[in-house]
Amino acid sequence: MVPESLSGKAVIDGSLISLELNPEKMNPDYLQAYFESENGTKALNRLSVGMGIKTLSISALERLDVPCPRMEEQKRIAEDYRAACEVFNHVRETLKEAEARRRSVFENHGASS
């Protein structure tokens, strides 16, 4: 999924697939939530081929059966997904700060090697 901030700026090469969704039929955040869910990941893995680096062909992607509830339900799932992403991103930033602090404790107390 290309973030909104990169829309129109991303270069899609031969190793990437670009999907354009009809926003009246499929909420993009809902689709991303599905792809990142356990069921979506399993479905994508079943369709992927390759030993080292797995690839997914357009024809395989076309065979993917994505559950498509009513738009209201997609929006509720998308909102929950975005909220969960915000929490995750906040925790990730907090962990980065804690890791930097942990690594600098020795130096912050004037100790040197």
N, C-alpha and C. Protein backbone atom coordinates (compact mmCIF):
# COMPACT_ATOMS: atom_id res chain seq x y z
N MET A 1 0.85 -1.16 0.00
CA MET A 1 0.00 0.00 0.00
C MET A 1 0.90 1.23 0.00
N VAL A 2 0.61 2.14 -0.87
CA VAL A 2 1.37 3.38 -0.95
C VAL A 2 0.68 4.41 -0.08
N PRO A 3 1.40 4.99 0.87
CA PRO A 3 0.77 6.00 1.72
C PRO A 3 0.26 7.18 0.90
N GLU A 4 -0.78 7.81 1.40
CA GLU A 4 -1.38 8.97 0.73
C GLU A 4 -0.32 10.03 0.41
N SER A 5 0.67 10.20 1.30
CA SER A 5 1.70 11.21 1.11
C SER A 5 2.57 10.93 -0.11
N LEU A 6 2.61 9.68 -0.57
CA LEU A 6 3.42 9.33 -1.74
C LEU A 6 2.58 9.14 -3.00
N SER A 7 1.29 9.34 -2.89
CA SER A 7 0.41 9.14 -4.02
C SER A 7 0.87 9.98 -5.22
N GLY A 8 1.05 9.32 -6.33
CA GLY A 8 1.50 9.99 -7.55
C GLY A 8 3.00 10.19 -7.61
N LYS A 9 3.72 9.83 -6.53
CA LYS A 9 5.17 10.03 -6.48
C LYS A 9 5.93 8.71 -6.49
N ALA A 10 5.22 7.61 -6.30
CA ALA A 10 5.88 6.31 -6.21
C ALA A 10 6.15 5.76 -7.61
N VAL A 11 7.27 5.08 -7.75
CA VAL A 11 7.63 4.44 -9.01
C VAL A 11 7.37 2.95 -8.84
N ILE A 12 6.51 2.41 -9.68
CA ILE A 12 6.18 0.99 -9.63
C ILE A 12 7.00 0.31 -10.72
N ASP A 13 7.95 -0.56 -10.29
CA ASP A 13 8.76 -1.26 -11.29
C ASP A 13 8.18 -2.65 -11.53
N GLY A 14 8.88 -3.47 -12.28
CA GLY A 14 8.39 -4.78 -12.67
C GLY A 14 8.18 -5.75 -11.52
N SER A 15 8.75 -5.47 -10.36
CA SER A 15 8.62 -6.39 -9.24
C SER A 15 7.47 -6.01 -8.30
N LEU A 16 6.75 -4.95 -8.62
CA LEU A 16 5.63 -4.50 -7.78
C LEU A 16 4.33 -4.53 -8.56
N ILE A 17 3.25 -4.70 -7.85
CA ILE A 17 1.92 -4.66 -8.46
C ILE A 17 1.19 -3.45 -7.91
N SER A 18 0.62 -2.67 -8.78
CA SER A 18 -0.16 -1.51 -8.38
C SER A 18 -1.64 -1.84 -8.51
N LEU A 19 -2.36 -1.64 -7.41
CA LEU A 19 -3.81 -1.87 -7.42
C LEU A 19 -4.52 -0.53 -7.36
N GLU A 20 -5.50 -0.37 -8.21
CA GLU A 20 -6.35 0.81 -8.12
C GLU A 20 -7.73 0.32 -7.71
N LEU A 21 -8.21 0.84 -6.60
CA LEU A 21 -9.48 0.39 -6.05
C LEU A 21 -10.59 1.37 -6.38
N ASN A 22 -11.78 0.83 -6.56
CA ASN A 22 -12.96 1.66 -6.66
C ASN A 22 -13.37 1.96 -5.22
N PRO A 23 -13.20 3.21 -4.77
CA PRO A 23 -13.47 3.53 -3.36
C PRO A 23 -14.92 3.33 -2.95
N GLU A 24 -15.82 3.19 -3.91
CA GLU A 24 -17.22 2.92 -3.59
C GLU A 24 -17.45 1.44 -3.28
N LYS A 25 -16.47 0.59 -3.66
CA LYS A 25 -16.62 -0.85 -3.45
C LYS A 25 -15.64 -1.41 -2.43
N MET A 26 -14.47 -0.80 -2.30
CA MET A 26 -13.44 -1.34 -1.41
C MET A 26 -12.69 -0.20 -0.74
N ASN A 27 -12.71 -0.19 0.58
CA ASN A 27 -11.97 0.80 1.37
C ASN A 27 -10.50 0.38 1.40
N PRO A 28 -9.57 1.23 0.99
CA PRO A 28 -8.15 0.84 0.93
C PRO A 28 -7.58 0.42 2.29
N ASP A 29 -7.98 1.10 3.36
CA ASP A 29 -7.49 0.71 4.68
C ASP A 29 -8.07 -0.63 5.11
N TYR A 30 -9.29 -0.92 4.71
CA TYR A 30 -9.88 -2.23 4.97
C TYR A 30 -9.06 -3.31 4.27
N LEU A 31 -8.72 -3.07 3.00
CA LEU A 31 -7.93 -4.05 2.24
C LEU A 31 -6.56 -4.25 2.87
N GLN A 32 -5.93 -3.19 3.30
CA GLN A 32 -4.62 -3.32 3.95
C GLN A 32 -4.76 -4.10 5.26
N ALA A 33 -5.83 -3.82 6.01
CA ALA A 33 -6.07 -4.57 7.25
C ALA A 33 -6.23 -6.05 6.94
N TYR A 34 -6.93 -6.36 5.86
CA TYR A 34 -7.09 -7.77 5.47
C TYR A 34 -5.74 -8.38 5.11
N PHE A 35 -4.96 -7.70 4.28
CA PHE A 35 -3.65 -8.23 3.87
C PHE A 35 -2.74 -8.48 5.07
N GLU A 36 -2.85 -7.64 6.10
CA GLU A 36 -1.99 -7.78 7.28
C GLU A 36 -2.59 -8.70 8.35
N SER A 37 -3.82 -9.15 8.14
CA SER A 37 -4.45 -10.05 9.09
C SER A 37 -3.90 -11.47 8.92
N GLU A 38 -4.17 -12.32 9.90
CA GLU A 38 -3.72 -13.71 9.81
C GLU A 38 -4.33 -14.40 8.59
N ASN A 39 -5.63 -14.20 8.37
CA ASN A 39 -6.29 -14.83 7.21
C ASN A 39 -5.74 -14.29 5.89
N GLY A 40 -5.54 -12.99 5.81
CA GLY A 40 -5.02 -12.39 4.58
C GLY A 40 -3.60 -12.83 4.30
N THR A 41 -2.77 -12.88 5.34
CA THR A 41 -1.39 -13.32 5.17
C THR A 41 -1.33 -14.77 4.69
N LYS A 42 -2.18 -15.62 5.28
CA LYS A 42 -2.23 -17.02 4.86
C LYS A 42 -2.65 -17.13 3.39
N ALA A 43 -3.67 -16.36 3.01
CA ALA A 43 -4.15 -16.40 1.63
C ALA A 43 -3.07 -15.95 0.66
N LEU A 44 -2.36 -14.87 1.00
CA LEU A 44 -1.28 -14.39 0.13
C LEU A 44 -0.15 -15.41 0.05
N ASN A 45 0.19 -16.03 1.18
CA ASN A 45 1.26 -17.03 1.19
C ASN A 45 0.89 -18.25 0.35
N ARG A 46 -0.37 -18.66 0.36
CA ARG A 46 -0.80 -19.81 -0.46
C ARG A 46 -0.63 -19.52 -1.95
N LEU A 47 -0.79 -18.27 -2.34
CA LEU A 47 -0.71 -17.91 -3.75
C LEU A 47 0.71 -17.52 -4.19
N SER A 48 1.61 -17.31 -3.23
CA SER A 48 2.97 -16.90 -3.54
C SER A 48 3.80 -18.10 -3.98
N VAL A 49 4.77 -17.84 -4.86
CA VAL A 49 5.67 -18.90 -5.33
C VAL A 49 7.10 -18.43 -5.19
N GLY A 50 8.02 -19.40 -5.14
CA GLY A 50 9.44 -19.09 -5.06
C GLY A 50 10.06 -19.70 -3.83
N MET A 51 11.36 -19.94 -3.90
CA MET A 51 12.07 -20.56 -2.80
C MET A 51 12.59 -19.51 -1.82
N GLY A 52 13.44 -18.60 -2.28
CA GLY A 52 14.01 -17.59 -1.40
C GLY A 52 13.07 -16.42 -1.22
N ILE A 53 12.92 -15.67 -2.28
CA ILE A 53 12.03 -14.51 -2.28
C ILE A 53 10.72 -14.94 -2.93
N LYS A 54 9.66 -14.87 -2.17
CA LYS A 54 8.34 -15.24 -2.68
C LYS A 54 7.82 -14.13 -3.59
N THR A 55 7.15 -14.53 -4.66
CA THR A 55 6.54 -13.55 -5.57
C THR A 55 5.06 -13.88 -5.73
N LEU A 56 4.32 -12.88 -6.12
CA LEU A 56 2.88 -13.02 -6.31
C LEU A 56 2.56 -12.46 -7.69
N SER A 57 2.02 -13.30 -8.56
CA SER A 57 1.70 -12.85 -9.92
C SER A 57 0.34 -12.14 -9.93
N ILE A 58 0.13 -11.38 -10.98
CA ILE A 58 -1.16 -10.70 -11.13
C ILE A 58 -2.27 -11.73 -11.25
N SER A 59 -2.03 -12.81 -11.99
CA SER A 59 -3.08 -13.82 -12.13
C SER A 59 -3.39 -14.48 -10.79
N ALA A 60 -2.38 -14.68 -9.94
CA ALA A 60 -2.63 -15.24 -8.61
C ALA A 60 -3.41 -14.25 -7.77
N LEU A 61 -3.05 -12.99 -7.86
CA LEU A 61 -3.75 -11.95 -7.09
C LEU A 61 -5.22 -11.86 -7.52
N GLU A 62 -5.47 -12.06 -8.81
CA GLU A 62 -6.85 -12.02 -9.30
C GLU A 62 -7.67 -13.18 -8.73
N ARG A 63 -7.02 -14.26 -8.34
CA ARG A 63 -7.72 -15.42 -7.75
C ARG A 63 -7.96 -15.23 -6.25
N LEU A 64 -7.36 -14.21 -5.67
CA LEU A 64 -7.50 -13.98 -4.24
C LEU A 64 -8.94 -13.61 -3.91
N ASP A 65 -9.51 -14.33 -2.96
CA ASP A 65 -10.89 -14.10 -2.55
C ASP A 65 -10.89 -13.26 -1.28
N VAL A 66 -11.03 -11.95 -1.45
CA VAL A 66 -11.04 -11.02 -0.32
C VAL A 66 -12.48 -10.85 0.15
N PRO A 67 -12.73 -11.08 1.44
CA PRO A 67 -14.09 -10.85 1.94
C PRO A 67 -14.48 -9.38 1.73
N CYS A 68 -15.68 -9.17 1.26
CA CYS A 68 -16.10 -7.80 0.93
C CYS A 68 -17.45 -7.49 1.59
N PRO A 69 -17.39 -7.13 2.89
CA PRO A 69 -18.64 -6.77 3.57
C PRO A 69 -19.18 -5.43 3.06
N ARG A 70 -20.33 -5.05 3.57
CA ARG A 70 -20.90 -3.75 3.20
C ARG A 70 -19.92 -2.63 3.55
N MET A 71 -20.03 -1.53 2.85
CA MET A 71 -19.08 -0.41 3.03
C MET A 71 -19.06 0.09 4.46
N GLU A 72 -20.19 0.11 5.13
CA GLU A 72 -20.21 0.57 6.52
C GLU A 72 -19.31 -0.29 7.40
N GLU A 73 -19.38 -1.61 7.20
CA GLU A 73 -18.54 -2.53 7.97
C GLU A 73 -17.06 -2.36 7.58
N GLN A 74 -16.79 -2.16 6.29
CA GLN A 74 -15.41 -1.91 5.86
C GLN A 74 -14.86 -0.67 6.56
N LYS A 75 -15.68 0.38 6.64
CA LYS A 75 -15.24 1.62 7.27
C LYS A 75 -14.96 1.41 8.76
N ARG A 76 -15.81 0.64 9.44
CA ARG A 76 -15.57 0.36 10.87
C ARG A 76 -14.27 -0.41 11.06
N ILE A 77 -14.04 -1.41 10.22
CA ILE A 77 -12.80 -2.19 10.31
C ILE A 77 -11.60 -1.31 9.99
N ALA A 78 -11.73 -0.45 8.98
CA ALA A 78 -10.64 0.45 8.60
C ALA A 78 -10.32 1.42 9.73
N GLU A 79 -11.33 1.95 10.39
CA GLU A 79 -11.11 2.87 11.52
C GLU A 79 -10.39 2.16 12.66
N ASP A 80 -10.84 0.95 12.98
CA ASP A 80 -10.17 0.16 14.03
C ASP A 80 -8.72 -0.13 13.64
N TYR A 81 -8.51 -0.44 12.38
CA TYR A 81 -7.16 -0.73 11.88
C TYR A 81 -6.26 0.50 12.01
N ARG A 82 -6.76 1.66 11.59
CA ARG A 82 -5.97 2.89 11.69
C ARG A 82 -5.65 3.22 13.14
N ALA A 83 -6.62 3.02 14.03
CA ALA A 83 -6.39 3.28 15.45
C ALA A 83 -5.32 2.33 15.99
N ALA A 84 -5.39 1.07 15.61
CA ALA A 84 -4.38 0.10 16.04
C ALA A 84 -3.00 0.47 15.49
N CYS A 85 -2.95 0.97 14.27
CA CYS A 85 -1.67 1.40 13.67
C CYS A 85 -1.09 2.58 14.43
N GLU A 86 -1.94 3.51 14.85
CA GLU A 86 -1.47 4.66 15.62
C GLU A 86 -0.86 4.21 16.94
N VAL A 87 -1.53 3.29 17.62
CA VAL A 87 -0.99 2.76 18.88
C VAL A 87 0.33 2.06 18.62
N PHE A 88 0.37 1.23 17.59
CA PHE A 88 1.59 0.49 17.24
C PHE A 88 2.74 1.46 16.95
N ASN A 89 2.48 2.49 16.16
CA ASN A 89 3.52 3.45 15.81
C ASN A 89 4.01 4.21 17.04
N HIS A 90 3.09 4.55 17.95
CA HIS A 90 3.47 5.24 19.18
C HIS A 90 4.37 4.33 20.03
N VAL A 91 3.98 3.07 20.16
CA VAL A 91 4.78 2.12 20.95
C VAL A 91 6.16 1.93 20.30
N ARG A 92 6.20 1.84 18.97
CA ARG A 92 7.48 1.68 18.27
C ARG A 92 8.40 2.87 18.54
N GLU A 93 7.86 4.09 18.49
CA GLU A 93 8.67 5.27 18.77
C GLU A 93 9.15 5.29 20.22
N THR A 94 8.26 4.90 21.14
CA THR A 94 8.63 4.83 22.55
C THR A 94 9.75 3.82 22.75
N LEU A 95 9.66 2.68 22.08
CA LEU A 95 10.73 1.67 22.18
C LEU A 95 12.06 2.19 21.62
N LYS A 96 12.00 2.92 20.52
CA LYS A 96 13.24 3.50 19.96
C LYS A 96 13.89 4.44 20.96
N GLU A 97 13.05 5.29 21.58
CA GLU A 97 13.58 6.23 22.57
C GLU A 97 14.16 5.49 23.78
N ALA A 98 13.46 4.45 24.23
CA ALA A 98 13.94 3.67 25.37
C ALA A 98 15.25 2.96 25.03
N GLU A 99 15.35 2.45 23.82
CA GLU A 99 16.59 1.77 23.40
C GLU A 99 17.75 2.76 23.35
N ALA A 100 17.52 3.95 22.82
CA ALA A 100 18.58 4.97 22.77
C ALA A 100 19.00 5.36 24.19
N ARG A 101 18.05 5.51 25.06
CA ARG A 101 18.36 5.85 26.46
C ARG A 101 19.15 4.73 27.13
N ARG A 102 18.71 3.50 26.93
CA ARG A 102 19.39 2.34 27.52
C ARG A 102 20.84 2.26 27.05
N ARG A 103 21.05 2.50 25.77
CA ARG A 103 22.40 2.41 25.22
C ARG A 103 23.32 3.54 25.68
N SER A 104 22.71 4.67 26.08
CA SER A 104 23.54 5.83 26.44
C SER A 104 23.75 5.99 27.95
N VAL A 105 23.18 5.10 28.75
CA VAL A 105 23.28 5.24 30.21
C VAL A 105 24.74 5.33 30.65
N PHE A 106 25.56 4.46 30.16
CA PHE A 106 26.96 4.41 30.56
C PHE A 106 27.66 5.75 30.26
N GLU A 107 27.49 6.23 29.05
CA GLU A 107 28.13 7.47 28.64
C GLU A 107 27.54 8.68 29.38
N ASN A 108 26.26 8.66 29.68
CA ASN A 108 25.62 9.77 30.39
C ASN A 108 26.12 9.94 31.82
N HIS A 109 26.74 8.93 32.37
CA HIS A 109 27.27 9.01 33.72
C HIS A 109 28.77 9.31 33.72
N GLY A 110 29.25 9.78 32.58
CA GLY A 110 30.64 10.22 32.50
C GLY A 110 31.66 9.10 32.43
N ALA A 111 31.21 7.90 32.27
CA ALA A 111 32.15 6.78 32.18
C ALA A 111 32.65 6.67 30.74
N SER A 112 33.88 6.30 30.60
CA SER A 112 34.44 6.10 29.26
C SER A 112 35.31 4.86 29.28
N SER A 113 35.66 4.43 28.09
CA SER A 113 36.47 3.21 28.02
C SER A 113 37.95 3.51 27.99
